[in-house]
Amino acid sequence: MTDTLIERNPDILGGTPVFAGTRVPVRILMEHLEAGDRLDDFLMDYPTVSRHQAVALLERATTMLVSTDEAAA
């Protein structure tokens, strides 16, 4: 699966979802944020991920969570 934000390819990290064009798993961003790291810290640690990609992923996750919450209400 590939879109403009996330790529899943069995030849890249066994199909783990990564930021498109990188080998950085999406879950790494979430782990950094859960640990209390700032977005800038993540971006410094993983320079192949653009700020645009990271923010777009967070916006997508927020939209999905809000949609799920609204559907459950």
PDB file of N, CA and C in Angstrom:
ATOM      1  N   MET A   1       0.836  -1.167   0.000  1.00  0.00           N
ATOM      2  CA  MET A   1       0.000   0.000   0.000  1.00  0.00           C
ATOM      3  C   MET A   1       0.886   1.237   0.000  1.00  0.00           C
ATOM      4  N   THR A   2       0.575   2.191  -0.844  1.00  0.00           N
ATOM      5  CA  THR A   2       1.308   3.436  -0.895  1.00  0.00           C
ATOM      6  C   THR A   2       0.313   4.573  -1.073  1.00  0.00           C
ATOM      7  N   ASP A   3       0.461   5.610  -0.289  1.00  0.00           N
ATOM      8  CA  ASP A   3      -0.239   6.850  -0.567  1.00  0.00           C
ATOM      9  C   ASP A   3       0.817   7.942  -0.476  1.00  0.00           C
ATOM     10  N   THR A   4       0.425   9.167  -0.481  1.00  0.00           N
ATOM     11  CA  THR A   4       1.424  10.226  -0.459  1.00  0.00           C
ATOM     12  C   THR A   4       2.071  10.404   0.903  1.00  0.00           C
ATOM     13  N   LEU A   5       1.539   9.739   1.911  1.00  0.00           N
ATOM     14  CA  LEU A   5       2.034   9.909   3.268  1.00  0.00           C
ATOM     15  C   LEU A   5       2.653   8.641   3.847  1.00  0.00           C
ATOM     16  N   ILE A   6       1.991   7.522   3.662  1.00  0.00           N
ATOM     17  CA  ILE A   6       2.421   6.254   4.263  1.00  0.00           C
ATOM     18  C   ILE A   6       2.655   5.224   3.169  1.00  0.00           C
ATOM     19  N   GLU A   7       3.703   4.454   3.354  1.00  0.00           N
ATOM     20  CA  GLU A   7       4.023   3.390   2.409  1.00  0.00           C
ATOM     21  C   GLU A   7       4.132   2.081   3.183  1.00  0.00           C
ATOM     22  N   ARG A   8       3.599   1.036   2.603  1.00  0.00           N
ATOM     23  CA  ARG A   8       3.722  -0.305   3.189  1.00  0.00           C
ATOM     24  C   ARG A   8       4.191  -1.224   2.063  1.00  0.00           C
ATOM     25  N   ASN A   9       5.405  -1.700   2.204  1.00  0.00           N
ATOM     26  CA  ASN A   9       6.031  -2.510   1.171  1.00  0.00           C
ATOM     27  C   ASN A   9       6.722  -3.684   1.868  1.00  0.00           C
ATOM     28  N   PRO A  10       6.424  -4.916   1.456  1.00  0.00           N
ATOM     29  CA  PRO A  10       7.050  -6.066   2.120  1.00  0.00           C
ATOM     30  C   PRO A  10       8.584  -6.059   2.037  1.00  0.00           C
ATOM     31  N   ASP A  11       9.144  -5.296   1.090  1.00  0.00           N
ATOM     32  CA  ASP A  11      10.598  -5.225   0.960  1.00  0.00           C
ATOM     33  C   ASP A  11      11.218  -4.150   1.850  1.00  0.00           C
ATOM     34  N   ILE A  12      10.380  -3.351   2.505  1.00  0.00           N
ATOM     35  CA  ILE A  12      10.877  -2.310   3.409  1.00  0.00           C
ATOM     36  C   ILE A  12      10.385  -2.621   4.813  1.00  0.00           C
ATOM     37  N   LEU A  13      11.313  -3.006   5.677  1.00  0.00           N
ATOM     38  CA  LEU A  13      11.007  -3.343   7.072  1.00  0.00           C
ATOM     39  C   LEU A  13       9.860  -4.337   7.196  1.00  0.00           C
ATOM     40  N   GLY A  14       9.811  -5.291   6.290  1.00  0.00           N
ATOM     41  CA  GLY A  14       8.821  -6.365   6.355  1.00  0.00           C
ATOM     42  C   GLY A  14       7.378  -5.908   6.207  1.00  0.00           C
ATOM     43  N   GLY A  15       7.164  -4.744   5.581  1.00  0.00           N
ATOM     44  CA  GLY A  15       5.806  -4.258   5.364  1.00  0.00           C
ATOM     45  C   GLY A  15       5.292  -3.339   6.459  1.00  0.00           C
ATOM     46  N   THR A  16       6.153  -2.997   7.412  1.00  0.00           N
ATOM     47  CA  THR A  16       5.768  -2.049   8.457  1.00  0.00           C
ATOM     48  C   THR A  16       5.431  -0.711   7.798  1.00  0.00           C
ATOM     49  N   PRO A  17       4.334  -0.070   8.204  1.00  0.00           N
ATOM     50  CA  PRO A  17       4.016   1.247   7.624  1.00  0.00           C
ATOM     51  C   PRO A  17       5.116   2.262   7.949  1.00  0.00           C
ATOM     52  N   VAL A  18       5.631   2.891   6.901  1.00  0.00           N
ATOM     53  CA  VAL A  18       6.684   3.890   7.050  1.00  0.00           C
ATOM     54  C   VAL A  18       6.242   5.183   6.376  1.00  0.00           C
ATOM     55  N   PHE A  19       6.891   6.277   6.751  1.00  0.00           N
ATOM     56  CA  PHE A  19       6.655   7.525   6.037  1.00  0.00           C
ATOM     57  C   PHE A  19       7.120   7.318   4.598  1.00  0.00           C
ATOM     58  N   ALA A  20       6.293   7.702   3.639  1.00  0.00           N
ATOM     59  CA  ALA A  20       6.616   7.498   2.224  1.00  0.00           C
ATOM     60  C   ALA A  20       7.980   8.096   1.890  1.00  0.00           C
ATOM     61  N   GLY A  21       8.769   7.326   1.150  1.00  0.00           N
ATOM     62  CA  GLY A  21      10.087   7.775   0.730  1.00  0.00           C
ATOM     63  C   GLY A  21      11.163   7.624   1.778  1.00  0.00           C
ATOM     64  N   THR A  22      10.828   7.000   2.922  1.00  0.00           N
ATOM     65  CA  THR A  22      11.803   6.805   3.996  1.00  0.00           C
ATOM     66  C   THR A  22      11.745   5.357   4.473  1.00  0.00           C
ATOM     67  N   ARG A  23      12.572   5.062   5.437  1.00  0.00           N
ATOM     68  CA  ARG A  23      12.514   3.774   6.122  1.00  0.00           C
ATOM     69  C   ARG A  23      12.155   3.991   7.591  1.00  0.00           C
ATOM     70  N   VAL A  24      11.493   5.091   7.876  1.00  0.00           N
ATOM     71  CA  VAL A  24      11.134   5.454   9.250  1.00  0.00           C
ATOM     72  C   VAL A  24       9.710   4.990   9.534  1.00  0.00           C
ATOM     73  N   PRO A  25       9.548   4.028  10.439  1.00  0.00           N
ATOM     74  CA  PRO A  25       8.205   3.557  10.770  1.00  0.00           C
ATOM     75  C   PRO A  25       7.344   4.672  11.373  1.00  0.00           C
ATOM     76  N   VAL A  26       6.096   4.705  10.983  1.00  0.00           N
ATOM     77  CA  VAL A  26       5.144   5.692  11.490  1.00  0.00           C
ATOM     78  C   VAL A  26       5.049   5.606  13.008  1.00  0.00           C
ATOM     79  N   ARG A  27       5.100   4.401  13.553  1.00  0.00           N
ATOM     80  CA  ARG A  27       4.941   4.219  15.000  1.00  0.00           C
ATOM     81  C   ARG A  27       6.030   4.936  15.788  1.00  0.00           C
ATOM     82  N   ILE A  28       7.180   5.179  15.170  1.00  0.00           N
ATOM     83  CA  ILE A  28       8.275   5.851  15.868  1.00  0.00           C
ATOM     84  C   ILE A  28       7.861   7.272  16.257  1.00  0.00           C
ATOM     85  N   LEU A  29       7.124   7.963  15.385  1.00  0.00           N
ATOM     86  CA  LEU A  29       6.647   9.301  15.732  1.00  0.00           C
ATOM     87  C   LEU A  29       5.748   9.231  16.958  1.00  0.00           C
ATOM     88  N   MET A  30       4.822   8.286  16.944  1.00  0.00           N
ATOM     89  CA  MET A  30       3.910   8.153  18.080  1.00  0.00           C
ATOM     90  C   MET A  30       4.665   7.812  19.368  1.00  0.00           C
ATOM     91  N   GLU A  31       5.662   6.957  19.275  1.00  0.00           N
ATOM     92  CA  GLU A  31       6.449   6.592  20.447  1.00  0.00           C
ATOM     93  C   GLU A  31       7.197   7.797  21.011  1.00  0.00           C
ATOM     94  N   HIS A  32       7.734   8.625  20.134  1.00  0.00           N
ATOM     95  CA  HIS A  32       8.425   9.840  20.583  1.00  0.00           C
ATOM     96  C   HIS A  32       7.460  10.766  21.317  1.00  0.00           C
ATOM     97  N   LEU A  33       6.291  10.970  20.733  1.00  0.00           N
ATOM     98  CA  LEU A  33       5.320  11.871  21.351  1.00  0.00           C
ATOM     99  C   LEU A  33       4.810  11.312  22.674  1.00  0.00           C
ATOM    100  N   GLU A  34       4.576   9.991  22.728  1.00  0.00           N
ATOM    101  CA  GLU A  34       4.135   9.366  23.975  1.00  0.00           C
ATOM    102  C   GLU A  34       5.175   9.509  25.073  1.00  0.00           C
ATOM    103  N   ALA A  35       6.436   9.537  24.689  1.00  0.00           N
ATOM    104  CA  ALA A  35       7.525   9.671  25.658  1.00  0.00           C
ATOM    105  C   ALA A  35       7.716  11.124  26.101  1.00  0.00           C
ATOM    106  N   GLY A  36       6.946  12.038  25.503  1.00  0.00           N
ATOM    107  CA  GLY A  36       7.046  13.438  25.882  1.00  0.00           C
ATOM    108  C   GLY A  36       8.003  14.250  25.038  1.00  0.00           C
ATOM    109  N   ASP A  37       8.528  13.645  23.973  1.00  0.00           N
ATOM    110  CA  ASP A  37       9.430  14.377  23.085  1.00  0.00           C
ATOM    111  C   ASP A  37       8.641  15.379  22.255  1.00  0.00           C
ATOM    112  N   ARG A  38       9.307  16.437  21.870  1.00  0.00           N
ATOM    113  CA  ARG A  38       8.691  17.424  20.987  1.00  0.00           C
ATOM    114  C   ARG A  38       8.797  16.946  19.540  1.00  0.00           C
ATOM    115  N   LEU A  39       7.939  17.472  18.697  1.00  0.00           N
ATOM    116  CA  LEU A  39       7.988  17.127  17.274  1.00  0.00           C
ATOM    117  C   LEU A  39       9.356  17.481  16.696  1.00  0.00           C
ATOM    118  N   ASP A  40       9.901  18.611  17.105  1.00  0.00           N
ATOM    119  CA  ASP A  40      11.224  19.008  16.600  1.00  0.00           C
ATOM    120  C   ASP A  40      12.301  17.998  16.967  1.00  0.00           C
ATOM    121  N   ASP A  41      12.186  17.381  18.145  1.00  0.00           N
ATOM    122  CA  ASP A  41      13.151  16.352  18.537  1.00  0.00           C
ATOM    123  C   ASP A  41      13.079  15.161  17.586  1.00  0.00           C
ATOM    124  N   PHE A  42      11.855  14.738  17.291  1.00  0.00           N
ATOM    125  CA  PHE A  42      11.671  13.627  16.356  1.00  0.00           C
ATOM    126  C   PHE A  42      12.279  13.975  15.001  1.00  0.00           C
ATOM    127  N   LEU A  43      11.987  15.169  14.511  1.00  0.00           N
ATOM    128  CA  LEU A  43      12.474  15.576  13.191  1.00  0.00           C
ATOM    129  C   LEU A  43      13.993  15.667  13.159  1.00  0.00           C
ATOM    130  N   MET A  44      14.609  16.045  14.264  1.00  0.00           N
ATOM    131  CA  MET A  44      16.071  16.080  14.313  1.00  0.00           C
ATOM    132  C   MET A  44      16.643  14.667  14.298  1.00  0.00           C
ATOM    133  N   ASP A  45      15.966  13.730  14.973  1.00  0.00           N
ATOM    134  CA  ASP A  45      16.433  12.348  15.016  1.00  0.00           C
ATOM    135  C   ASP A  45      16.221  11.626  13.686  1.00  0.00           C
ATOM    136  N   TYR A  46      15.200  12.036  12.932  1.00  0.00           N
ATOM    137  CA  TYR A  46      14.845  11.374  11.675  1.00  0.00           C
ATOM    138  C   TYR A  46      14.706  12.415  10.571  1.00  0.00           C
ATOM    139  N   PRO A  47      15.834  12.932  10.082  1.00  0.00           N
ATOM    140  CA  PRO A  47      15.801  14.024   9.106  1.00  0.00           C
ATOM    141  C   PRO A  47      15.211  13.652   7.744  1.00  0.00           C
ATOM    142  N   THR A  48      15.019  12.371   7.474  1.00  0.00           N
ATOM    143  CA  THR A  48      14.407  11.994   6.198  1.00  0.00           C
ATOM    144  C   THR A  48      12.897  12.211   6.210  1.00  0.00           C
ATOM    145  N   VAL A  49      12.322  12.434   7.392  1.00  0.00           N
ATOM    146  CA  VAL A  49      10.893  12.737   7.513  1.00  0.00           C
ATOM    147  C   VAL A  49      10.746  14.253   7.538  1.00  0.00           C
ATOM    148  N   SER A  50       9.900  14.777   6.661  1.00  0.00           N
ATOM    149  CA  SER A  50       9.691  16.225   6.638  1.00  0.00           C
ATOM    150  C   SER A  50       8.664  16.638   7.694  1.00  0.00           C
ATOM    151  N   ARG A  51       8.728  17.892   8.074  1.00  0.00           N
ATOM    152  CA  ARG A  51       7.734  18.436   9.008  1.00  0.00           C
ATOM    153  C   ARG A  51       6.340  18.256   8.412  1.00  0.00           C
ATOM    154  N   HIS A  52       6.214  18.496   7.116  1.00  0.00           N
ATOM    155  CA  HIS A  52       4.918  18.345   6.445  1.00  0.00           C
ATOM    156  C   HIS A  52       4.383  16.923   6.626  1.00  0.00           C
ATOM    157  N   GLN A  53       5.228  15.922   6.436  1.00  0.00           N
ATOM    158  CA  GLN A  53       4.793  14.532   6.596  1.00  0.00           C
ATOM    159  C   GLN A  53       4.343  14.254   8.020  1.00  0.00           C
ATOM    160  N   ALA A  54       5.113  14.703   8.994  1.00  0.00           N
ATOM    161  CA  ALA A  54       4.786  14.430  10.398  1.00  0.00           C
ATOM    162  C   ALA A  54       3.479  15.108  10.796  1.00  0.00           C
ATOM    163  N   VAL A  55       3.318  16.360  10.421  1.00  0.00           N
ATOM    164  CA  VAL A  55       2.094  17.089  10.768  1.00  0.00           C
ATOM    165  C   VAL A  55       0.895  16.474  10.052  1.00  0.00           C
ATOM    166  N   ALA A  56       1.064  16.112   8.783  1.00  0.00           N
ATOM    167  CA  ALA A  56      -0.040  15.498   8.036  1.00  0.00           C
ATOM    168  C   ALA A  56      -0.462  14.180   8.670  1.00  0.00           C
ATOM    169  N   LEU A  57       0.491  13.405   9.145  1.00  0.00           N
ATOM    170  CA  LEU A  57       0.150  12.148   9.803  1.00  0.00           C
ATOM    171  C   LEU A  57      -0.627  12.401  11.089  1.00  0.00           C
ATOM    172  N   LEU A  58      -0.198  13.366  11.878  1.00  0.00           N
ATOM    173  CA  LEU A  58      -0.906  13.689  13.117  1.00  0.00           C
ATOM    174  C   LEU A  58      -2.314  14.214  12.828  1.00  0.00           C
ATOM    175  N   GLU A  59      -2.447  15.005  11.785  1.00  0.00           N
ATOM    176  CA  GLU A  59      -3.780  15.497  11.401  1.00  0.00           C
ATOM    177  C   GLU A  59      -4.673  14.342  10.967  1.00  0.00           C
ATOM    178  N   ARG A  60      -4.114  13.412  10.207  1.00  0.00           N
ATOM    179  CA  ARG A  60      -4.889  12.255   9.758  1.00  0.00           C
ATOM    180  C   ARG A  60      -5.332  11.412  10.953  1.00  0.00           C
ATOM    181  N   ALA A  61      -4.424  11.188  11.885  1.00  0.00           N
ATOM    182  CA  ALA A  61      -4.766  10.395  13.073  1.00  0.00           C
ATOM    183  C   ALA A  61      -5.855  11.086  13.880  1.00  0.00           C
ATOM    184  N   THR A  62      -5.759  12.391  14.026  1.00  0.00           N
ATOM    185  CA  THR A  62      -6.771  13.147  14.760  1.00  0.00           C
ATOM    186  C   THR A  62      -8.120  13.029  14.079  1.00  0.00           C
ATOM    187  N   THR A  63      -8.145  13.179  12.765  1.00  0.00           N
ATOM    188  CA  THR A  63      -9.394  13.068  12.009  1.00  0.00           C
ATOM    189  C   THR A  63     -10.009  11.690  12.189  1.00  0.00           C
ATOM    190  N   MET A  64      -9.184  10.659  12.137  1.00  0.00           N
ATOM    191  CA  MET A  64      -9.686   9.297  12.294  1.00  0.00           C
ATOM    192  C   MET A  64     -10.252   9.089  13.693  1.00  0.00           C
ATOM    193  N   LEU A  65      -9.568   9.604  14.703  1.00  0.00           N
ATOM    194  CA  LEU A  65     -10.043   9.450  16.081  1.00  0.00           C
ATOM    195  C   LEU A  65     -11.335  10.217  16.318  1.00  0.00           C
ATOM    196  N   VAL A  66     -11.434  11.419  15.796  1.00  0.00           N
ATOM    197  CA  VAL A  66     -12.637  12.224  15.964  1.00  0.00           C
ATOM    198  C   VAL A  66     -13.810  11.558  15.247  1.00  0.00           C
ATOM    199  N   SER A  67     -13.571  11.041  14.047  1.00  0.00           N
ATOM    200  CA  SER A  67     -14.613  10.364  13.287  1.00  0.00           C
ATOM    201  C   SER A  67     -15.103   9.124  14.030  1.00  0.00           C
ATOM    202  N   THR A  68     -14.181   8.388  14.621  1.00  0.00           N
ATOM    203  CA  THR A  68     -14.528   7.181  15.365  1.00  0.00           C
ATOM    204  C   THR A  68     -15.346   7.544  16.606  1.00  0.00           C
ATOM    205  N   ASP A  69     -14.921   8.599  17.302  1.00  0.00           N
ATOM    206  CA  ASP A  69     -15.654   9.039  18.493  1.00  0.00           C
ATOM    207  C   ASP A  69     -17.069   9.490  18.139  1.00  0.00           C
ATOM    208  N   GLU A  70     -17.204  10.218  17.042  1.00  0.00           N
ATOM    209  CA  GLU A  70     -18.516  10.698  16.631  1.00  0.00           C
ATOM    210  C   GLU A  70     -19.430   9.552  16.222  1.00  0.00           C
ATOM    211  N   ALA A  71     -18.874   8.532  15.566  1.00  0.00           N
ATOM    212  CA  ALA A  71     -19.665   7.395  15.138  1.00  0.00           C
ATOM    213  C   ALA A  71     -20.139   6.581  16.339  1.00  0.00           C
ATOM    214  N   ALA A  72     -19.332   6.552  17.393  1.00  0.00           N
ATOM    215  CA  ALA A  72     -19.685   5.779  18.592  1.00  0.00           C
ATOM    216  C   ALA A  72     -20.725   6.480  19.442  1.00  0.00           C
ATOM    217  N   ALA A  73     -20.844   7.796  19.275  1.00  0.00           N
ATOM    218  CA  ALA A  73     -21.783   8.580  20.108  1.00  0.00           C
ATOM    219  C   ALA A  73     -23.221   8.379  19.719  1.00  0.00           C
TER     220      ALA A  73
END
